[in-house]
Amino acid sequence: MKIHAFISKSSSRDLVVAVAATALLACGARPARAQDKSAPLSKVERLNRAPVNKEILRVKLPRPTIAKLPNGLTLVLLEDHKLPTLAFTMWMRPGQLADPDDLPGLASFTADMLREGTARRTSAQIAAEVDSLGATLNADSRFGASYTTVAASGFSDSAPQILDLISDIVLNPAFPDGELAKYKQRLGADLESQMANPNFLGQQAFRRVLYGTAPLSLTSATKESVAKLNGNDLKRFHDQNYTPGNSILGVTGDFKAADMRALIEKYFGAWTGKTTARASFPASPAPAAPGITLVDRPNSVQTFIVAGDRAIQRSDPSYPVLNVMNQIVGGGAQSRLFLDLREEHSLTYGSYSRFNAEVYPGDWYAFAPVRTPVTDEAMSRFMFEFKRINDEPVPASELDDARRAIVAGFALSLEQPAQLLGDWLTTQHFGLPMDYWDAYPDRIASVDAAAVQAAAKKFVDLGHMQWVAVGDRKQIQDALAKYGPVTVVDVTGKAEK
C-alpha cells in the first residue's frame, strides 16, 4: 500500500485534542459551566491546520484475492504479514430486511442465538473453546442493515480451530430451547430499558415517519415478537437465508491466500442452500410532505430533536458529495451545528448529523438533545443552519477543511487491517468497482461548493423535512407548533389526542 501524506506536529497535536474532546462527549462528559465561554460564530478562528498537507492523499489499497467456491461462497483474502494474527468477517444478506412483518427482529434473534449451541457443541463449550484459543467470536444483525455479520479473530496458527468454530455456528446452529428461554428473558429486559431512552425513541419515531411499514421502519424487536419467538422460527429463517450464495467471507492477516482458500473449502465446501434474490428498491423515493412528530415523554427534562429525510443508496455516485456536505453541517466538533448550538448558543452538549447509505435509500439526519426550556430556540437554530447550507455557497476555507478531514480519517483507517477488509467487503456487497477506494480521496477532493449546495437542496430540503421531538408534550408542543403541524404519539408510536 502506497500512502503519501504528511501530518505536522501542530496538526497532530490539534487532531489529538479534537479526538479527546469527542471521546469525552461520547462518554457523557459535561463541559464546565463555571463561566460562559460561548462566542459568536463570527469570532471563531479557523487555524487551517489540516491533518494532511496541501497535496491530496494518494493511496492504492493492497488488492485482496477474490474467489468464489463451487457452492457460491465469495472469498475476500487480504494478506497482511505484520503480525501473527488473522481476522474473519462474514457478511450474509439480506439480514434484517428479511424479517417477516409479524416477527420483527427475527434476523437479530437468529444471529444472537448462533453462539448458544450447535449440533456438536453446547453454549458453554463454545465459550470455553473461544477463550482457550485467545480468540473472539461474535454474530450480529443490526436493524436497518442488509446483512448479518459473523466475525472472529485470533492467532494465525489457530486458523483451523477458528474456522471449525465459525463453520459450526453458521452451518449447524441448534437453537436449544433452554438457551432460547434465557435469551428471551434478557431481551425483554433490554426492550424495557430502550423505552426509557430518548435517543432510541427519537430514532424509532424517525424511521417510522420515513419508511412507514416494516421492515425498513424497524429499529428494534417488540414485546410481542419476543413472546411469540420459538426455535422453529429461528431454524426456518436460518435455512432460508444462511446460504453460501448469499454470503461473503473475508479474511485478513498472516496467511497465504492459496492455503487459506483450501482451508476455508475444507470447512465450508459442503455448505449448500438456495441463493435468494437481492431485494429491489427505488433509487429515488417520492418525497413526503414536511411534518413534526412529538413523542410524548412526560416530565422529561430534555427534548431530543431529530430532523432529516431519505437520502441515497450506497452505490449512488453522489456518495462523496453527501459525505462532504454532511461533514460541513454536522460531521464533528468543527461542524456548523456543533459550533452554533453548542459553542455560540449553549443549547446542548453536542449537535451532529449523520447519513446511512444501504442497498435501499437510507437517511440523512441531524440531531441534538437540548434542555426543555430552549426547545424553541434550538428549532430556530436548526432552521437557520439548514437554510444557510441551502442558500449560501460554502466558503473555500471551510470546504477545504471538510474535505481534508474526511481524507485524513480515511488515511488513518488504512492502518487498521480489519477496516481495510471492511472496505473490500463493502465493494463486494454493494457492487462497487475495484478501484473505488483508490479513487476515493480524489473524488472527495473534487467536491466543490456548487456540488455541496446542490446536495443540500436535495437532502436538507425544508420543503420535505421530517422532524421528531422526544419530550414533555405539555412543555414543548406550543413551541414546536410554530414550525408546522404537530402529530403527537406516545412512546409506543400510538397517536394521542
Protein backbone atom coordinates (compact mmCIF):
# COMPACT_ATOMS: atom_id res chain seq x y z
CA MET A 1 0.00 0.00 0.00
CA LYS A 2 1.41 3.38 -1.04
CA ILE A 3 0.34 6.36 1.00
CA HIS A 4 1.78 9.84 0.63
CA ALA A 5 0.56 12.03 3.49
CA PHE A 6 2.20 14.44 5.89
CA ILE A 7 0.96 15.45 9.33
CA SER A 8 2.70 18.34 11.05
CA LYS A 9 3.42 18.31 14.79
CA SER A 10 0.94 21.10 15.40
CA SER A 11 -1.69 19.40 13.24
CA SER A 12 -1.12 16.12 15.06
CA ARG A 13 -1.49 17.85 18.42
CA ASP A 14 -4.72 19.55 17.30
CA LEU A 15 -6.04 16.26 15.98
CA VAL A 16 -5.35 14.52 19.31
CA VAL A 17 -7.10 17.31 21.21
CA ALA A 18 -10.12 17.10 18.92
CA VAL A 19 -10.32 13.33 19.23
CA ALA A 20 -10.03 13.54 23.02
CA ALA A 21 -12.82 16.12 23.19
CA THR A 22 -15.07 13.95 21.04
CA ALA A 23 -14.33 10.93 23.23
CA LEU A 24 -15.30 12.86 26.34
CA LEU A 25 -18.56 13.84 24.70
CA ALA A 26 -19.28 10.25 23.76
CA CYS A 27 -18.72 9.18 27.35
CA GLY A 28 -21.18 11.74 28.63
CA ALA A 29 -18.63 14.21 29.99
CA ARG A 30 -20.08 17.66 30.56
CA PRO A 31 -18.31 20.90 29.77
CA ALA A 32 -17.58 23.16 32.70
CA ARG A 33 -20.32 25.70 33.37
CA ALA A 34 -18.45 27.92 35.84
CA GLN A 35 -18.45 30.73 33.29
CA ASP A 36 -19.97 31.37 29.87
CA LYS A 37 -17.22 30.93 27.31
CA SER A 38 -19.51 30.93 24.29
CA ALA A 39 -18.54 33.16 21.41
CA PRO A 40 -20.32 34.34 18.27
CA LEU A 41 -19.50 32.31 15.18
CA SER A 42 -18.05 35.40 13.57
CA LYS A 43 -15.30 35.30 16.19
CA VAL A 44 -14.41 31.64 15.66
CA GLU A 45 -10.96 31.50 14.11
CA ARG A 46 -10.13 28.65 11.75
CA LEU A 47 -6.42 27.93 12.08
CA ASN A 48 -6.26 25.95 8.81
CA ARG A 49 -4.16 23.26 10.44
CA ALA A 50 -5.49 20.47 8.30
CA PRO A 51 -4.34 16.97 9.27
CA VAL A 52 -2.82 16.40 5.81
CA ASN A 53 -0.73 18.65 3.62
CA LYS A 54 -1.86 20.63 0.59
CA GLU A 55 -1.11 17.73 -1.72
CA ILE A 56 -4.14 15.47 -1.69
CA LEU A 57 -3.57 11.99 -0.34
CA ARG A 58 -2.66 9.38 -2.94
CA VAL A 59 -3.48 5.82 -1.97
CA LYS A 60 -3.51 2.44 -3.59
CA LEU A 61 -5.06 -0.20 -1.38
CA PRO A 62 -3.47 -3.65 -1.36
CA ARG A 63 -5.56 -5.90 -3.57
CA PRO A 64 -7.14 -8.96 -1.97
CA THR A 65 -7.50 -12.29 -3.68
CA ILE A 66 -11.16 -12.65 -4.60
CA ALA A 67 -12.51 -16.09 -5.42
CA LYS A 68 -15.77 -18.00 -5.42
CA LEU A 69 -16.15 -21.56 -4.22
CA PRO A 70 -18.20 -24.00 -6.32
CA ASN A 71 -21.11 -23.66 -3.86
CA GLY A 72 -21.28 -19.89 -4.45
CA LEU A 73 -19.46 -18.59 -1.35
CA THR A 74 -17.42 -15.49 -2.23
CA LEU A 75 -13.97 -15.20 -0.61
CA VAL A 76 -12.03 -11.98 0.01
CA LEU A 77 -8.50 -12.88 1.13
CA LEU A 78 -6.26 -9.99 2.18
CA GLU A 79 -2.75 -10.97 3.28
CA ASP A 80 -1.06 -8.89 5.98
CA HIS A 81 2.10 -10.39 7.46
CA LYS A 82 2.92 -7.73 10.06
CA LEU A 83 1.58 -9.77 12.99
CA PRO A 84 0.87 -13.49 13.53
CA THR A 85 -2.87 -12.86 13.73
CA LEU A 86 -5.90 -13.06 11.48
CA ALA A 87 -9.48 -11.89 11.41
CA PHE A 88 -12.52 -13.39 9.71
CA THR A 89 -15.62 -11.42 8.76
CA MET A 90 -18.64 -12.95 7.05
CA TRP A 91 -21.50 -10.89 5.60
CA MET A 92 -24.72 -12.73 4.79
CA ARG A 93 -27.56 -10.93 3.10
CA PRO A 94 -30.36 -9.93 3.41
CA GLY A 95 -30.16 -9.52 7.19
CA GLN A 96 -32.97 -7.64 8.89
CA LEU A 97 -34.57 -6.82 5.54
CA ALA A 98 -35.88 -10.40 5.54
CA ASP A 99 -37.75 -10.02 8.83
CA PRO A 100 -41.39 -11.07 8.42
CA ASP A 101 -43.94 -8.37 9.22
CA ASP A 102 -45.36 -10.38 12.10
CA LEU A 103 -41.98 -11.20 13.67
CA PRO A 104 -39.77 -8.09 13.73
CA GLY A 105 -36.28 -8.82 15.00
CA LEU A 106 -36.05 -12.38 13.64
CA ALA A 107 -32.73 -11.73 11.84
CA SER A 108 -31.29 -10.29 15.05
CA PHE A 109 -32.66 -13.17 17.14
CA THR A 110 -31.12 -15.72 14.78
CA ALA A 111 -27.68 -14.08 14.82
CA ASP A 112 -27.70 -13.67 18.59
CA MET A 113 -28.52 -17.35 19.08
CA LEU A 114 -25.76 -18.72 16.83
CA ARG A 115 -23.29 -18.97 19.73
CA GLU A 116 -25.79 -20.60 22.06
CA GLY A 117 -25.27 -24.16 20.88
CA THR A 118 -24.81 -26.31 17.78
CA ALA A 119 -25.28 -29.96 16.91
CA ARG A 120 -21.74 -30.59 18.25
CA ARG A 121 -21.19 -28.01 20.98
CA THR A 122 -23.14 -26.50 23.86
CA SER A 123 -23.11 -22.77 24.54
CA ALA A 124 -20.64 -23.31 27.40
CA GLN A 125 -18.35 -25.40 25.21
CA ILE A 126 -18.27 -22.74 22.51
CA ALA A 127 -17.38 -20.05 25.04
CA ALA A 128 -14.68 -22.21 26.63
CA GLU A 129 -13.13 -23.07 23.28
CA VAL A 130 -13.03 -19.44 22.21
CA ASP A 131 -11.34 -18.49 25.48
CA SER A 132 -8.80 -21.31 25.26
CA LEU A 133 -7.73 -20.09 21.80
CA GLY A 134 -7.43 -16.47 22.93
CA ALA A 135 -9.91 -15.73 20.15
CA THR A 136 -13.09 -13.74 19.62
CA LEU A 137 -16.34 -14.95 18.04
CA ASN A 138 -19.42 -12.77 17.56
CA ALA A 139 -22.54 -12.56 15.43
CA ASP A 140 -24.85 -9.62 14.85
CA SER A 141 -27.69 -8.49 12.62
CA ARG A 142 -28.33 -4.78 13.00
CA PHE A 143 -31.68 -3.18 12.31
CA GLY A 144 -31.53 -1.31 9.02
CA ALA A 145 -28.56 -3.33 7.72
CA SER A 146 -28.86 -5.55 4.65
CA TYR A 147 -26.56 -8.22 6.02
CA THR A 148 -25.84 -10.31 9.08
CA THR A 149 -22.25 -10.30 10.36
CA VAL A 150 -20.29 -13.17 11.86
CA ALA A 151 -16.78 -12.20 12.98
CA ALA A 152 -13.87 -13.97 14.61
CA SER A 153 -10.21 -13.25 15.28
CA GLY A 154 -7.20 -14.99 16.79
CA PHE A 155 -3.68 -16.18 16.18
CA SER A 156 -2.70 -17.40 12.75
CA ASP A 157 -1.74 -20.87 13.95
CA SER A 158 -5.30 -21.27 15.29
CA ALA A 159 -6.90 -20.78 11.86
CA PRO A 160 -8.22 -24.37 11.58
CA GLN A 161 -9.81 -24.27 15.04
CA ILE A 162 -11.34 -20.83 14.46
CA LEU A 163 -12.75 -21.86 11.09
CA ASP A 164 -14.16 -25.00 12.68
CA LEU A 165 -15.99 -22.81 15.21
CA ILE A 166 -17.26 -20.33 12.64
CA SER A 167 -18.49 -23.01 10.28
CA ASP A 168 -20.16 -24.89 13.12
CA ILE A 169 -22.24 -21.95 14.36
CA VAL A 170 -23.11 -20.80 10.82
CA LEU A 171 -23.96 -24.20 9.36
CA ASN A 172 -25.21 -26.18 12.37
CA PRO A 173 -26.91 -23.96 14.98
CA ALA A 174 -29.24 -25.95 17.24
CA PHE A 175 -31.21 -23.06 18.82
CA PRO A 176 -31.69 -25.06 22.06
CA ASP A 177 -34.90 -24.35 23.97
CA GLY A 178 -33.16 -23.74 27.29
CA GLU A 179 -30.80 -21.12 25.87
CA LEU A 180 -33.66 -19.54 23.90
CA ALA A 181 -35.71 -19.12 27.08
CA LYS A 182 -32.82 -17.33 28.80
CA TYR A 183 -32.22 -15.18 25.73
CA LYS A 184 -35.87 -14.09 25.58
CA GLN A 185 -35.74 -13.11 29.24
CA ARG A 186 -32.65 -10.94 28.67
CA LEU A 187 -34.17 -9.42 25.56
CA GLY A 188 -37.36 -8.47 27.37
CA ALA A 189 -35.34 -6.52 29.93
CA ASP A 190 -33.39 -4.79 27.16
CA LEU A 191 -36.61 -3.70 25.47
CA GLU A 192 -37.85 -2.17 28.71
CA SER A 193 -34.69 -0.09 29.08
CA GLN A 194 -34.85 1.07 25.45
CA MET A 195 -38.27 2.62 26.01
CA ALA A 196 -36.73 4.93 28.60
CA ASN A 197 -34.01 6.15 26.24
CA PRO A 198 -34.88 9.41 24.39
CA ASN A 199 -32.25 8.74 21.72
CA PHE A 200 -33.80 5.36 20.91
CA LEU A 201 -37.31 6.79 20.94
CA GLY A 202 -36.26 9.55 18.56
CA GLN A 203 -34.61 7.18 16.10
CA GLN A 204 -37.56 4.80 16.31
CA ALA A 205 -40.08 7.53 15.52
CA PHE A 206 -37.89 8.97 12.75
CA ARG A 207 -37.62 5.61 10.95
CA ARG A 208 -41.37 5.13 11.22
CA VAL A 209 -42.00 8.54 9.70
CA LEU A 210 -39.59 7.90 6.83
CA TYR A 211 -40.42 4.29 5.94
CA GLY A 212 -43.94 3.76 7.20
CA THR A 213 -44.13 -0.04 7.41
CA ALA A 214 -41.86 -2.96 8.28
CA PRO A 215 -39.12 -3.90 7.84
CA LEU A 216 -37.31 -0.65 6.92
CA SER A 217 -39.12 1.29 9.62
CA LEU A 218 -37.97 -1.01 12.42
CA THR A 219 -35.31 -0.15 14.96
CA SER A 220 -35.92 -2.98 17.42
CA ALA A 221 -37.90 -6.07 18.20
CA THR A 222 -41.20 -5.81 20.05
CA LYS A 223 -42.55 -7.43 23.20
CA GLU A 224 -44.97 -9.33 21.00
CA SER A 225 -42.27 -10.69 18.68
CA VAL A 226 -40.11 -11.76 21.63
CA ALA A 227 -43.03 -13.54 23.28
CA LYS A 228 -44.00 -15.26 20.03
CA LEU A 229 -40.49 -16.40 19.07
CA ASN A 230 -39.73 -20.13 19.05
CA GLY A 231 -36.97 -22.40 17.80
CA ASN A 232 -38.83 -23.28 14.60
CA ASP A 233 -38.87 -19.59 13.60
CA LEU A 234 -35.11 -19.39 14.05
CA LYS A 235 -34.46 -22.59 12.12
CA ARG A 236 -36.69 -21.52 9.24
CA PHE A 237 -35.02 -18.11 8.95
CA HIS A 238 -31.58 -19.71 9.13
CA ASP A 239 -32.30 -22.32 6.47
CA GLN A 240 -33.78 -19.76 4.07
CA ASN A 241 -31.10 -17.07 4.38
CA TYR A 242 -27.85 -18.59 5.67
CA THR A 243 -26.68 -19.94 2.32
CA PRO A 244 -23.30 -19.78 0.54
CA GLY A 245 -24.62 -17.81 -2.42
CA ASN A 246 -25.86 -15.11 -0.04
CA SER A 247 -22.50 -14.83 1.72
CA ILE A 248 -19.07 -13.21 1.53
CA LEU A 249 -16.28 -14.45 3.79
CA GLY A 250 -13.39 -12.05 4.24
CA VAL A 251 -10.08 -12.87 5.91
CA THR A 252 -7.14 -10.61 6.70
CA GLY A 253 -3.89 -11.48 8.43
CA ASP A 254 -0.81 -13.65 8.31
CA PHE A 255 -1.57 -16.39 5.78
CA LYS A 256 -1.04 -17.38 2.16
CA ALA A 257 -4.15 -16.89 0.03
CA ALA A 258 -3.96 -20.31 -1.64
CA ASP A 259 -3.58 -22.07 1.71
CA MET A 260 -6.44 -20.10 3.25
CA ARG A 261 -8.75 -20.86 0.34
CA ALA A 262 -8.05 -24.58 0.73
CA LEU A 263 -8.69 -24.37 4.47
CA ILE A 264 -11.98 -22.49 4.01
CA GLU A 265 -13.10 -25.01 1.39
CA LYS A 266 -12.46 -27.79 3.91
CA TYR A 267 -14.91 -26.26 6.39
CA PHE A 268 -17.40 -24.53 4.10
CA GLY A 269 -17.18 -26.50 0.85
CA ALA A 270 -20.09 -28.79 1.72
CA TRP A 271 -22.39 -25.88 2.63
CA THR A 272 -25.49 -25.84 0.46
CA GLY A 273 -28.62 -23.77 0.11
CA LYS A 274 -30.59 -21.76 -2.39
CA THR A 275 -29.38 -18.25 -3.18
CA THR A 276 -32.15 -15.73 -2.52
CA ALA A 277 -32.86 -12.89 -4.92
CA ARG A 278 -31.50 -9.49 -3.99
CA ALA A 279 -34.09 -7.05 -2.72
CA SER A 280 -35.02 -4.26 -5.12
CA PHE A 281 -35.70 -0.70 -4.02
CA PRO A 282 -36.44 2.51 -5.94
CA ALA A 283 -33.40 4.79 -6.01
CA SER A 284 -35.44 7.99 -5.69
CA PRO A 285 -38.49 7.64 -3.43
CA ALA A 286 -41.14 10.30 -3.72
CA PRO A 287 -40.54 13.00 -1.08
CA ALA A 288 -43.16 13.33 1.63
CA ALA A 289 -44.78 16.50 2.93
CA PRO A 290 -42.94 18.07 5.89
CA GLY A 291 -44.11 17.16 9.34
CA ILE A 292 -43.34 17.24 13.07
CA THR A 293 -43.86 14.19 15.27
CA LEU A 294 -43.86 14.79 19.01
CA VAL A 295 -43.11 11.69 21.09
CA ASP A 296 -44.69 12.49 24.43
CA ARG A 297 -42.36 11.65 27.31
CA PRO A 298 -43.95 13.24 30.39
CA ASN A 299 -41.65 15.05 32.83
CA SER A 300 -38.69 14.83 30.50
CA VAL A 301 -36.07 17.47 31.31
CA GLN A 302 -34.73 17.41 27.75
CA THR A 303 -36.05 17.45 24.21
CA PHE A 304 -34.29 15.12 21.80
CA ILE A 305 -34.62 16.63 18.32
CA VAL A 306 -34.11 14.72 15.07
CA ALA A 307 -34.56 16.27 11.63
CA GLY A 308 -33.90 14.81 8.21
CA ASP A 309 -35.21 12.83 5.26
CA ARG A 310 -34.39 9.93 2.98
CA ALA A 311 -31.03 10.01 1.25
CA ILE A 312 -29.20 7.62 -1.11
CA GLN A 313 -28.22 4.06 -1.82
CA ARG A 314 -24.60 3.11 -1.16
CA SER A 315 -23.89 2.67 -4.87
CA ASP A 316 -25.08 6.20 -5.68
CA PRO A 317 -22.27 8.25 -7.31
CA SER A 318 -23.24 11.24 -5.15
CA TYR A 319 -21.98 9.47 -2.00
CA PRO A 320 -18.74 11.54 -1.78
CA VAL A 321 -20.69 14.78 -2.22
CA LEU A 322 -23.15 13.90 0.53
CA ASN A 323 -20.20 12.95 2.73
CA VAL A 324 -18.62 16.39 2.33
CA MET A 325 -21.92 18.22 2.81
CA ASN A 326 -22.61 16.21 5.97
CA GLN A 327 -19.11 16.92 7.31
CA ILE A 328 -19.76 20.65 7.00
CA VAL A 329 -23.22 20.61 8.54
CA GLY A 330 -22.74 18.21 11.44
CA GLY A 331 -19.84 15.83 10.92
CA GLY A 332 -17.93 16.68 14.07
CA ALA A 333 -16.90 19.25 16.67
CA GLN A 334 -15.82 21.66 13.91
CA SER A 335 -19.18 21.50 12.10
CA ARG A 336 -21.77 24.24 11.83
CA LEU A 337 -24.38 22.62 14.03
CA PHE A 338 -21.88 21.97 16.82
CA LEU A 339 -20.46 25.48 16.69
CA ASP A 340 -23.91 27.07 16.50
CA LEU A 341 -26.00 25.13 19.02
CA ARG A 342 -23.22 24.40 21.49
CA GLU A 343 -20.43 26.95 21.21
CA GLU A 344 -22.38 30.06 20.32
CA HIS A 345 -25.78 29.47 21.96
CA SER A 346 -25.04 26.88 24.71
CA LEU A 347 -28.17 24.89 23.92
CA THR A 348 -26.65 21.40 24.00
CA TYR A 349 -23.53 19.40 24.75
CA GLY A 350 -23.30 18.41 21.11
CA SER A 351 -25.23 18.56 17.84
CA TYR A 352 -24.32 16.42 14.85
CA SER A 353 -25.58 15.00 11.58
CA ARG A 354 -25.23 11.54 10.07
CA PHE A 355 -26.23 9.64 6.96
CA ASN A 356 -26.79 5.97 6.21
CA ALA A 357 -26.47 4.55 2.69
CA GLU A 358 -27.60 1.00 2.07
CA VAL A 359 -29.00 -1.20 -0.70
CA TYR A 360 -32.12 0.92 -0.19
CA PRO A 361 -32.18 4.73 0.06
CA GLY A 362 -31.00 5.39 3.60
CA ASP A 363 -31.45 8.57 5.59
CA TRP A 364 -29.70 11.84 6.35
CA TYR A 365 -30.49 13.40 9.71
CA ALA A 366 -29.31 15.95 12.24
CA PHE A 367 -29.90 15.65 15.96
CA ALA A 368 -29.31 17.20 19.37
CA PRO A 369 -30.53 16.74 22.95
CA VAL A 370 -31.44 20.15 24.35
CA ARG A 371 -32.83 21.46 27.62
CA THR A 372 -36.62 21.57 27.54
CA PRO A 373 -36.92 25.38 28.01
CA VAL A 374 -34.74 26.05 24.92
CA THR A 375 -36.62 23.75 22.53
CA ASP A 376 -37.95 26.71 20.53
CA GLU A 377 -34.53 28.34 20.21
CA ALA A 378 -32.93 25.02 19.19
CA MET A 379 -35.51 24.52 16.45
CA SER A 380 -34.78 28.01 15.14
CA ARG A 381 -31.02 27.33 15.08
CA PHE A 382 -31.54 24.08 13.16
CA MET A 383 -33.69 26.02 10.70
CA PHE A 384 -31.05 28.72 10.38
CA GLU A 385 -28.26 26.27 9.58
CA PHE A 386 -30.40 24.27 7.17
CA LYS A 387 -31.30 27.44 5.26
CA ARG A 388 -27.70 28.64 5.28
CA ILE A 389 -26.32 25.46 3.71
CA ASN A 390 -29.04 25.74 1.07
CA ASP A 391 -28.75 29.43 0.29
CA GLU A 392 -25.06 30.30 0.67
CA PRO A 393 -22.07 28.72 -1.09
CA VAL A 394 -19.65 27.21 1.44
CA PRO A 395 -16.53 29.39 1.86
CA ALA A 396 -13.41 27.91 0.29
CA SER A 397 -11.51 27.52 3.58
CA GLU A 398 -14.40 25.71 5.29
CA LEU A 399 -14.87 23.43 2.29
CA ASP A 400 -11.15 22.65 2.23
CA ASP A 401 -11.16 21.78 5.94
CA ALA A 402 -14.09 19.42 5.49
CA ARG A 403 -12.55 17.60 2.53
CA ARG A 404 -9.21 17.20 4.28
CA ALA A 405 -10.83 15.92 7.47
CA ILE A 406 -12.57 13.16 5.51
CA VAL A 407 -9.40 12.22 3.63
CA ALA A 408 -7.34 12.22 6.84
CA GLY A 409 -9.85 9.94 8.56
CA PHE A 410 -9.72 7.62 5.57
CA ALA A 411 -5.92 7.58 5.69
CA LEU A 412 -5.90 6.67 9.38
CA SER A 413 -8.38 3.86 8.78
CA LEU A 414 -6.00 2.22 6.30
CA GLU A 415 -3.66 1.38 9.18
CA GLN A 416 -6.31 -0.98 10.56
CA PRO A 417 -6.43 -4.35 8.75
CA ALA A 418 -10.00 -5.02 9.88
CA GLN A 419 -11.10 -1.66 8.43
CA LEU A 420 -9.33 -2.43 5.16
CA LEU A 421 -11.12 -5.76 4.98
CA GLY A 422 -14.39 -3.98 5.67
CA ASP A 423 -13.72 -1.66 2.73
CA TRP A 424 -13.28 -4.65 0.43
CA LEU A 425 -16.39 -6.35 1.76
CA THR A 426 -18.24 -3.11 1.04
CA THR A 427 -17.16 -3.15 -2.60
CA GLN A 428 -18.35 -6.75 -2.97
CA HIS A 429 -21.64 -6.38 -1.11
CA PHE A 430 -22.70 -3.15 -2.78
CA GLY A 431 -21.23 -3.87 -6.21
CA LEU A 432 -18.70 -1.03 -6.24
CA PRO A 433 -15.79 -1.02 -8.73
CA MET A 434 -12.47 -2.49 -7.62
CA ASP A 435 -10.71 0.88 -7.85
CA TYR A 436 -13.38 2.61 -5.75
CA TRP A 437 -11.17 3.24 -2.71
CA ASP A 438 -8.09 4.13 -4.80
CA ALA A 439 -10.07 6.97 -6.34
CA TYR A 440 -11.97 7.91 -3.17
CA PRO A 441 -9.62 10.71 -1.95
CA ASP A 442 -9.68 12.33 -5.40
CA ARG A 443 -13.46 12.13 -5.51
CA ILE A 444 -13.67 13.85 -2.13
CA ALA A 445 -11.14 16.49 -3.21
CA SER A 446 -13.12 17.25 -6.36
CA VAL A 447 -16.31 18.15 -4.48
CA ASP A 448 -16.82 21.88 -4.94
CA ALA A 449 -19.10 24.44 -3.32
CA ALA A 450 -21.69 24.17 -6.07
CA ALA A 451 -21.94 20.40 -5.56
CA VAL A 452 -22.32 20.84 -1.80
CA GLN A 453 -25.10 23.37 -2.28
CA ALA A 454 -26.87 21.11 -4.78
CA ALA A 455 -26.68 18.22 -2.32
CA ALA A 456 -28.09 20.43 0.43
CA LYS A 457 -31.04 21.47 -1.73
CA LYS A 458 -31.78 17.80 -2.35
CA PHE A 459 -31.18 16.26 1.08
CA VAL A 460 -31.56 19.19 3.52
CA ASP A 461 -34.86 20.13 1.96
CA LEU A 462 -37.04 22.16 4.32
CA GLY A 463 -39.96 21.64 1.94
CA HIS A 464 -39.92 17.93 2.83
CA MET A 465 -38.05 17.85 6.14
CA GLN A 466 -39.27 15.35 8.74
CA TRP A 467 -38.91 16.38 12.38
CA VAL A 468 -39.14 14.32 15.54
CA ALA A 469 -39.03 15.74 19.06
CA VAL A 470 -38.99 13.48 22.12
CA GLY A 471 -40.02 15.38 25.23
CA ASP A 472 -42.74 16.58 27.56
CA ARG A 473 -45.77 17.46 25.42
CA LYS A 474 -47.11 19.97 27.93
CA GLN A 475 -43.92 22.00 27.79
CA ILE A 476 -42.89 21.81 24.12
CA GLN A 477 -45.96 21.34 21.91
CA ASP A 478 -46.68 25.06 21.54
CA ALA A 479 -43.04 25.77 20.68
CA LEU A 480 -42.99 23.05 18.03
CA ALA A 481 -46.29 24.25 16.53
CA LYS A 482 -44.56 27.45 15.39
CA TYR A 483 -42.70 25.38 12.81
CA GLY A 484 -45.55 23.30 11.40
CA PRO A 485 -48.41 20.94 12.23
CA VAL A 486 -47.60 18.59 15.10
CA THR A 487 -48.64 14.94 15.39
CA VAL A 488 -48.43 13.63 18.96
CA VAL A 489 -47.70 9.97 19.74
CA ASP A 490 -46.78 8.08 22.87
CA VAL A 491 -43.52 6.16 23.29
CA THR A 492 -45.02 3.13 21.53
CA GLY A 493 -45.99 5.18 18.48
CA LYS A 494 -49.71 5.24 19.25
CA ALA A 495 -51.42 8.54 18.39
CA GLU A 496 -52.51 10.73 21.28
CA LYS A 497 -55.42 13.14 21.17
